[in-house]
Amino acid sequence: MKASKIIIAIVAATALGLGAAQATQITGTIGFTSAPNPSGGFLVNNGGGNFTLNFNNPLHVNFGTDDYSGVPVPTDVNFASITFQNGVGLTSPNVPEWTFTVGTTTYSFDLLSLMTATFVNGNVSALTLMGDGVAHITGFDDTKAIFALEATGTHLSFAILQPSNTAVPGVPDSGSALALLGIGLVAVEGLRRKLATA
């Protein structure tokens, strides 16, 4: 009788753990624009094909969809400068590239790599960057995302495009760990009973 109560408790804990282990991915898109930079000095040529893109902070949220739809337009957001090697990629990741809080919800994005850094028609005042990173929103799992940035003259626009709905792999959360522990304990109890009857 005591063993059956233990098994029921283990199964209940496993069911709770499996429920807690379900991922909540970020979906949606958010976009930002900058105020004009009167000097046009967004981009600094560091020499040797190395450039730094500086932002005329703060940028302003100009739209949000799905999980970003609760962000008011025009929320102010400060961006970290992006330093990259033309044709090669980031000199180092920006963690975070930007972060802001609305109420009790914090939004952020880590810029991890560049897929392209292109000067339009060779013009250093017209730049397109695309890459990937990780989107974060309080209450959601970290989610891989693609970003696009366009700089033309004195204006910049930045958008996170269609997060991939793929959780960033990591250490199992407490729900997963509890579920695995419960499954293991059920297996141990089954083996104990089999040995006891043999």
C-alpha atoms as a PDB file:
ATOM      1  CA  MET A   1       0.000   0.000   0.000  1.00  0.00           C
ATOM      2  CA  LYS A   2       2.816   2.390   0.941  1.00  0.00           C
ATOM      3  CA  ALA A   3       4.611   1.667  -2.346  1.00  0.00           C
ATOM      4  CA  SER A   4       1.506   2.481  -4.390  1.00  0.00           C
ATOM      5  CA  LYS A   5       1.204   5.870  -2.650  1.00  0.00           C
ATOM      6  CA  ILE A   6       4.851   6.573  -3.494  1.00  0.00           C
ATOM      7  CA  ILE A   7       4.256   5.643  -7.147  1.00  0.00           C
ATOM      8  CA  ILE A   8       1.138   7.883  -7.304  1.00  0.00           C
ATOM      9  CA  ALA A   9       3.156  10.780  -5.847  1.00  0.00           C
ATOM     10  CA  ILE A  10       5.958  10.179  -8.373  1.00  0.00           C
ATOM     11  CA  VAL A  11       3.519  10.056 -11.306  1.00  0.00           C
ATOM     12  CA  ALA A  12       1.823  13.269 -10.100  1.00  0.00           C
ATOM     13  CA  ALA A  13       5.203  15.032  -9.753  1.00  0.00           C
ATOM     14  CA  THR A  14       6.173  13.829 -13.234  1.00  0.00           C
ATOM     15  CA  ALA A  15       2.925  15.135 -14.746  1.00  0.00           C
ATOM     16  CA  LEU A  16       3.441  18.516 -13.056  1.00  0.00           C
ATOM     17  CA  GLY A  17       7.035  18.631 -14.255  1.00  0.00           C
ATOM     18  CA  LEU A  18       6.055  17.828 -17.832  1.00  0.00           C
ATOM     19  CA  GLY A  19       3.448  20.600 -17.740  1.00  0.00           C
ATOM     20  CA  ALA A  20       6.028  23.094 -16.467  1.00  0.00           C
ATOM     21  CA  ALA A  21       8.550  22.023 -19.110  1.00  0.00           C
ATOM     22  CA  GLN A  22       6.540  23.266 -22.097  1.00  0.00           C
ATOM     23  CA  ALA A  23       8.251  26.108 -23.930  1.00  0.00           C
ATOM     24  CA  THR A  24       6.664  29.482 -24.611  1.00  0.00           C
ATOM     25  CA  GLN A  25       8.400  30.881 -27.674  1.00  0.00           C
ATOM     26  CA  ILE A  26       8.468  34.535 -28.711  1.00  0.00           C
ATOM     27  CA  THR A  27       6.631  35.364 -31.915  1.00  0.00           C
ATOM     28  CA  GLY A  28       6.270  38.628 -33.763  1.00  0.00           C
ATOM     29  CA  THR A  29       8.299  41.498 -35.099  1.00  0.00           C
ATOM     30  CA  ILE A  30       9.421  44.820 -33.630  1.00  0.00           C
ATOM     31  CA  GLY A  31      10.844  47.784 -35.518  1.00  0.00           C
ATOM     32  CA  PHE A  32      12.770  50.909 -34.533  1.00  0.00           C
ATOM     33  CA  THR A  33      13.772  54.136 -36.247  1.00  0.00           C
ATOM     34  CA  SER A  34      16.240  56.824 -35.262  1.00  0.00           C
ATOM     35  CA  ALA A  35      15.918  60.543 -35.137  1.00  0.00           C
ATOM     36  CA  PRO A  36      18.034  62.139 -37.880  1.00  0.00           C
ATOM     37  CA  ASN A  37      21.691  62.527 -37.019  1.00  0.00           C
ATOM     38  CA  PRO A  38      22.476  66.118 -38.045  1.00  0.00           C
ATOM     39  CA  SER A  39      26.117  65.267 -38.693  1.00  0.00           C
ATOM     40  CA  GLY A  40      25.249  62.108 -40.633  1.00  0.00           C
ATOM     41  CA  GLY A  41      28.002  60.507 -38.541  1.00  0.00           C
ATOM     42  CA  PHE A  42      26.465  57.126 -37.853  1.00  0.00           C
ATOM     43  CA  LEU A  43      29.313  55.172 -39.415  1.00  0.00           C
ATOM     44  CA  VAL A  44      32.970  55.495 -38.440  1.00  0.00           C
ATOM     45  CA  ASN A  45      35.638  53.973 -40.660  1.00  0.00           C
ATOM     46  CA  ASN A  46      38.248  52.541 -38.278  1.00  0.00           C
ATOM     47  CA  GLY A  47      40.563  51.539 -41.147  1.00  0.00           C
ATOM     48  CA  GLY A  48      41.470  48.120 -42.508  1.00  0.00           C
ATOM     49  CA  GLY A  49      37.858  47.356 -43.421  1.00  0.00           C
ATOM     50  CA  ASN A  50      36.758  47.770 -39.794  1.00  0.00           C
ATOM     51  CA  PHE A  51      33.711  49.996 -39.164  1.00  0.00           C
ATOM     52  CA  THR A  52      31.683  51.081 -36.130  1.00  0.00           C
ATOM     53  CA  LEU A  53      28.021  51.920 -36.479  1.00  0.00           C
ATOM     54  CA  ASN A  54      26.967  54.422 -33.809  1.00  0.00           C
ATOM     55  CA  PHE A  55      23.337  55.150 -33.026  1.00  0.00           C
ATOM     56  CA  ASN A  56      21.763  58.538 -32.410  1.00  0.00           C
ATOM     57  CA  ASN A  57      20.149  57.251 -29.182  1.00  0.00           C
ATOM     58  CA  PRO A  58      17.442  56.859 -28.312  1.00  0.00           C
ATOM     59  CA  LEU A  59      15.821  55.045 -31.210  1.00  0.00           C
ATOM     60  CA  HIS A  60      12.024  54.827 -31.123  1.00  0.00           C
ATOM     61  CA  VAL A  61       9.769  51.800 -31.461  1.00  0.00           C
ATOM     62  CA  ASN A  62       7.673  52.361 -34.590  1.00  0.00           C
ATOM     63  CA  PHE A  63       5.709  49.089 -34.653  1.00  0.00           C
ATOM     64  CA  GLY A  64       5.276  45.762 -32.882  1.00  0.00           C
ATOM     65  CA  THR A  65       3.318  42.619 -33.738  1.00  0.00           C
ATOM     66  CA  ASP A  66       2.240  39.535 -31.748  1.00  0.00           C
ATOM     67  CA  ASP A  67       4.292  39.358 -28.519  1.00  0.00           C
ATOM     68  CA  TYR A  68       5.617  42.879 -29.183  1.00  0.00           C
ATOM     69  CA  SER A  69       2.171  44.387 -29.815  1.00  0.00           C
ATOM     70  CA  GLY A  70       1.924  45.688 -26.227  1.00  0.00           C
ATOM     71  CA  VAL A  71       4.951  47.962 -26.668  1.00  0.00           C
ATOM     72  CA  PRO A  72       3.738  51.564 -27.023  1.00  0.00           C
ATOM     73  CA  VAL A  73       4.850  53.591 -30.044  1.00  0.00           C
ATOM     74  CA  PRO A  74       7.236  55.551 -29.720  1.00  0.00           C
ATOM     75  CA  THR A  75       9.000  53.837 -26.754  1.00  0.00           C
ATOM     76  CA  ASP A  76      12.623  55.036 -26.449  1.00  0.00           C
ATOM     77  CA  VAL A  77      15.374  52.408 -26.736  1.00  0.00           C
ATOM     78  CA  ASN A  78      19.157  52.815 -26.518  1.00  0.00           C
ATOM     79  CA  PHE A  79      21.276  50.706 -28.854  1.00  0.00           C
ATOM     80  CA  ALA A  80      24.894  49.614 -28.371  1.00  0.00           C
ATOM     81  CA  SER A  81      27.340  50.510 -31.151  1.00  0.00           C
ATOM     82  CA  ILE A  82      28.032  47.707 -33.647  1.00  0.00           C
ATOM     83  CA  THR A  83      31.628  47.170 -34.756  1.00  0.00           C
ATOM     84  CA  PHE A  84      32.138  44.900 -37.743  1.00  0.00           C
ATOM     85  CA  GLN A  85      34.675  43.867 -40.325  1.00  0.00           C
ATOM     86  CA  ASN A  86      33.211  44.516 -43.784  1.00  0.00           C
ATOM     87  CA  GLY A  87      32.559  41.163 -45.441  1.00  0.00           C
ATOM     88  CA  VAL A  88      33.619  39.180 -42.343  1.00  0.00           C
ATOM     89  CA  GLY A  89      31.214  39.885 -39.481  1.00  0.00           C
ATOM     90  CA  LEU A  90      31.054  41.228 -35.961  1.00  0.00           C
ATOM     91  CA  THR A  91      34.271  41.886 -34.092  1.00  0.00           C
ATOM     92  CA  SER A  92      32.384  40.724 -30.961  1.00  0.00           C
ATOM     93  CA  PRO A  93      28.766  39.964 -29.997  1.00  0.00           C
ATOM     94  CA  ASN A  94      26.650  42.701 -28.405  1.00  0.00           C
ATOM     95  CA  VAL A  95      24.909  41.269 -25.339  1.00  0.00           C
ATOM     96  CA  PRO A  96      22.545  43.045 -25.238  1.00  0.00           C
ATOM     97  CA  GLU A  97      22.254  45.100 -28.404  1.00  0.00           C
ATOM     98  CA  TRP A  98      19.268  46.834 -26.831  1.00  0.00           C
ATOM     99  CA  THR A  99      17.000  46.452 -23.821  1.00  0.00           C
ATOM    100  CA  PHE A 100      13.974  48.306 -22.452  1.00  0.00           C
ATOM    101  CA  THR A 101      11.181  47.766 -19.938  1.00  0.00           C
ATOM    102  CA  VAL A 102       7.469  48.462 -20.263  1.00  0.00           C
ATOM    103  CA  GLY A 103       5.664  48.035 -16.936  1.00  0.00           C
ATOM    104  CA  THR A 104       7.008  44.773 -15.497  1.00  0.00           C
ATOM    105  CA  THR A 105       8.056  43.318 -18.866  1.00  0.00           C
ATOM    106  CA  THR A 106      11.651  43.592 -20.074  1.00  0.00           C
ATOM    107  CA  TYR A 107      12.450  43.206 -23.774  1.00  0.00           C
ATOM    108  CA  SER A 108      15.982  42.732 -25.092  1.00  0.00           C
ATOM    109  CA  PHE A 109      17.955  41.425 -28.028  1.00  0.00           C
ATOM    110  CA  ASP A 110      21.467  39.943 -28.137  1.00  0.00           C
ATOM    111  CA  LEU A 111      23.238  40.499 -31.460  1.00  0.00           C
ATOM    112  CA  LEU A 112      25.415  37.406 -31.972  1.00  0.00           C
ATOM    113  CA  SER A 113      26.520  37.351 -35.611  1.00  0.00           C
ATOM    114  CA  LEU A 114      26.245  39.018 -38.997  1.00  0.00           C
ATOM    115  CA  MET A 115      25.282  37.215 -42.187  1.00  0.00           C
ATOM    116  CA  THR A 116      25.859  40.286 -44.337  1.00  0.00           C
ATOM    117  CA  ALA A 117      27.274  43.781 -44.033  1.00  0.00           C
ATOM    118  CA  THR A 118      26.793  45.544 -47.358  1.00  0.00           C
ATOM    119  CA  PHE A 119      27.427  49.101 -48.465  1.00  0.00           C
ATOM    120  CA  VAL A 120      24.793  49.920 -51.088  1.00  0.00           C
ATOM    121  CA  ASN A 121      26.532  50.831 -54.352  1.00  0.00           C
ATOM    122  CA  GLY A 122      29.783  51.255 -52.423  1.00  0.00           C
ATOM    123  CA  ASN A 123      28.340  54.253 -50.553  1.00  0.00           C
ATOM    124  CA  VAL A 124      29.458  54.239 -46.891  1.00  0.00           C
ATOM    125  CA  SER A 125      26.385  56.260 -45.905  1.00  0.00           C
ATOM    126  CA  ALA A 126      24.049  53.513 -47.196  1.00  0.00           C
ATOM    127  CA  LEU A 127      24.490  50.314 -45.191  1.00  0.00           C
ATOM    128  CA  THR A 128      22.519  47.083 -44.847  1.00  0.00           C
ATOM    129  CA  LEU A 129      23.233  44.619 -42.034  1.00  0.00           C
ATOM    130  CA  MET A 130      21.529  41.260 -41.500  1.00  0.00           C
ATOM    131  CA  GLY A 131      22.309  38.726 -38.854  1.00  0.00           C
ATOM    132  CA  ASP A 132      21.005  36.655 -36.028  1.00  0.00           C
ATOM    133  CA  GLY A 133      20.746  36.699 -32.299  1.00  0.00           C
ATOM    134  CA  VAL A 134      18.492  35.894 -29.366  1.00  0.00           C
ATOM    135  CA  ALA A 135      15.286  37.698 -28.419  1.00  0.00           C
ATOM    136  CA  HIS A 136      14.255  37.901 -24.751  1.00  0.00           C
ATOM    137  CA  ILE A 137      10.904  38.902 -23.212  1.00  0.00           C
ATOM    138  CA  THR A 138      10.014  38.436 -19.546  1.00  0.00           C
ATOM    139  CA  GLY A 139       7.913  35.269 -19.193  1.00  0.00           C
ATOM    140  CA  PHE A 140       9.010  33.737 -22.521  1.00  0.00           C
ATOM    141  CA  ASP A 141      11.791  31.364 -23.469  1.00  0.00           C
ATOM    142  CA  ASP A 142      14.863  32.835 -25.139  1.00  0.00           C
ATOM    143  CA  THR A 143      14.185  32.600 -28.871  1.00  0.00           C
ATOM    144  CA  LYS A 144      16.517  32.709 -31.861  1.00  0.00           C
ATOM    145  CA  ALA A 145      15.707  35.612 -34.178  1.00  0.00           C
ATOM    146  CA  ILE A 146      16.856  37.288 -37.381  1.00  0.00           C
ATOM    147  CA  PHE A 147      17.475  41.038 -37.505  1.00  0.00           C
ATOM    148  CA  ALA A 148      17.799  43.547 -40.317  1.00  0.00           C
ATOM    149  CA  LEU A 149      19.225  47.043 -40.166  1.00  0.00           C
ATOM    150  CA  GLU A 150      19.253  49.685 -42.861  1.00  0.00           C
ATOM    151  CA  ALA A 151      21.104  52.982 -42.665  1.00  0.00           C
ATOM    152  CA  THR A 152      20.586  55.587 -45.378  1.00  0.00           C
ATOM    153  CA  GLY A 153      22.041  59.054 -45.048  1.00  0.00           C
ATOM    154  CA  THR A 154      21.032  60.364 -41.643  1.00  0.00           C
ATOM    155  CA  HIS A 155      18.323  57.767 -40.831  1.00  0.00           C
ATOM    156  CA  LEU A 156      18.468  54.242 -39.416  1.00  0.00           C
ATOM    157  CA  SER A 157      15.842  51.535 -39.135  1.00  0.00           C
ATOM    158  CA  PHE A 158      16.202  48.249 -37.263  1.00  0.00           C
ATOM    159  CA  ALA A 159      13.771  45.334 -37.103  1.00  0.00           C
ATOM    160  CA  ILE A 160      13.673  41.868 -35.588  1.00  0.00           C
ATOM    161  CA  LEU A 161      12.078  39.738 -38.251  1.00  0.00           C
ATOM    162  CA  GLN A 162      10.053  36.586 -37.660  1.00  0.00           C
ATOM    163  CA  PRO A 163      11.693  34.957 -34.660  1.00  0.00           C
ATOM    164  CA  SER A 164      12.412  31.354 -35.538  1.00  0.00           C
ATOM    165  CA  ASN A 165      10.283  29.935 -32.711  1.00  0.00           C
ATOM    166  CA  THR A 166      13.268  27.857 -31.700  1.00  0.00           C
ATOM    167  CA  ALA A 167      14.234  27.847 -28.062  1.00  0.00           C
ATOM    168  CA  VAL A 168      17.869  28.431 -27.311  1.00  0.00           C
ATOM    169  CA  PRO A 169      19.258  25.117 -26.014  1.00  0.00           C
ATOM    170  CA  GLY A 170      20.506  25.216 -22.470  1.00  0.00           C
ATOM    171  CA  VAL A 171      20.342  23.561 -19.107  1.00  0.00           C
ATOM    172  CA  PRO A 172      16.977  21.830 -18.564  1.00  0.00           C
ATOM    173  CA  ASP A 173      14.601  24.007 -16.568  1.00  0.00           C
ATOM    174  CA  SER A 174      13.250  22.886 -13.204  1.00  0.00           C
ATOM    175  CA  GLY A 175      10.154  21.372 -14.845  1.00  0.00           C
ATOM    176  CA  SER A 176      12.239  19.221 -17.194  1.00  0.00           C
ATOM    177  CA  ALA A 177      14.555  18.184 -14.389  1.00  0.00           C
ATOM    178  CA  LEU A 178      11.582  17.225 -12.185  1.00  0.00           C
ATOM    179  CA  ALA A 179       9.995  15.249 -15.028  1.00  0.00           C
ATOM    180  CA  LEU A 180      13.236  13.354 -15.684  1.00  0.00           C
ATOM    181  CA  LEU A 181      13.646  12.646 -11.971  1.00  0.00           C
ATOM    182  CA  GLY A 182      10.068  11.348 -11.751  1.00  0.00           C
ATOM    183  CA  ILE A 183      10.527   9.048 -14.748  1.00  0.00           C
ATOM    184  CA  GLY A 184      13.777   7.740 -13.268  1.00  0.00           C
ATOM    185  CA  LEU A 185      12.144   7.062  -9.887  1.00  0.00           C
ATOM    186  CA  VAL A 186       9.263   5.171 -11.533  1.00  0.00           C
ATOM    187  CA  ALA A 187      11.821   3.009 -13.382  1.00  0.00           C
ATOM    188  CA  VAL A 188      13.764   2.357 -10.151  1.00  0.00           C
ATOM    189  CA  GLU A 189      10.549   1.378  -8.312  1.00  0.00           C
ATOM    190  CA  GLY A 190       9.594  -1.004 -11.151  1.00  0.00           C
ATOM    191  CA  LEU A 191      13.043  -2.615 -11.051  1.00  0.00           C
ATOM    192  CA  ARG A 192      12.869  -2.927  -7.224  1.00  0.00           C
ATOM    193  CA  ARG A 193       9.513  -4.721  -7.456  1.00  0.00           C
ATOM    194  CA  LYS A 194      10.779  -7.074 -10.158  1.00  0.00           C
ATOM    195  CA  LEU A 195      13.813  -8.018  -8.031  1.00  0.00           C
ATOM    196  CA  ALA A 196      11.626  -8.442  -4.923  1.00  0.00           C
ATOM    197  CA  THR A 197       9.365 -10.972  -6.675  1.00  0.00           C
ATOM    198  CA  ALA A 198      12.277 -12.904  -8.225  1.00  0.00           C
END
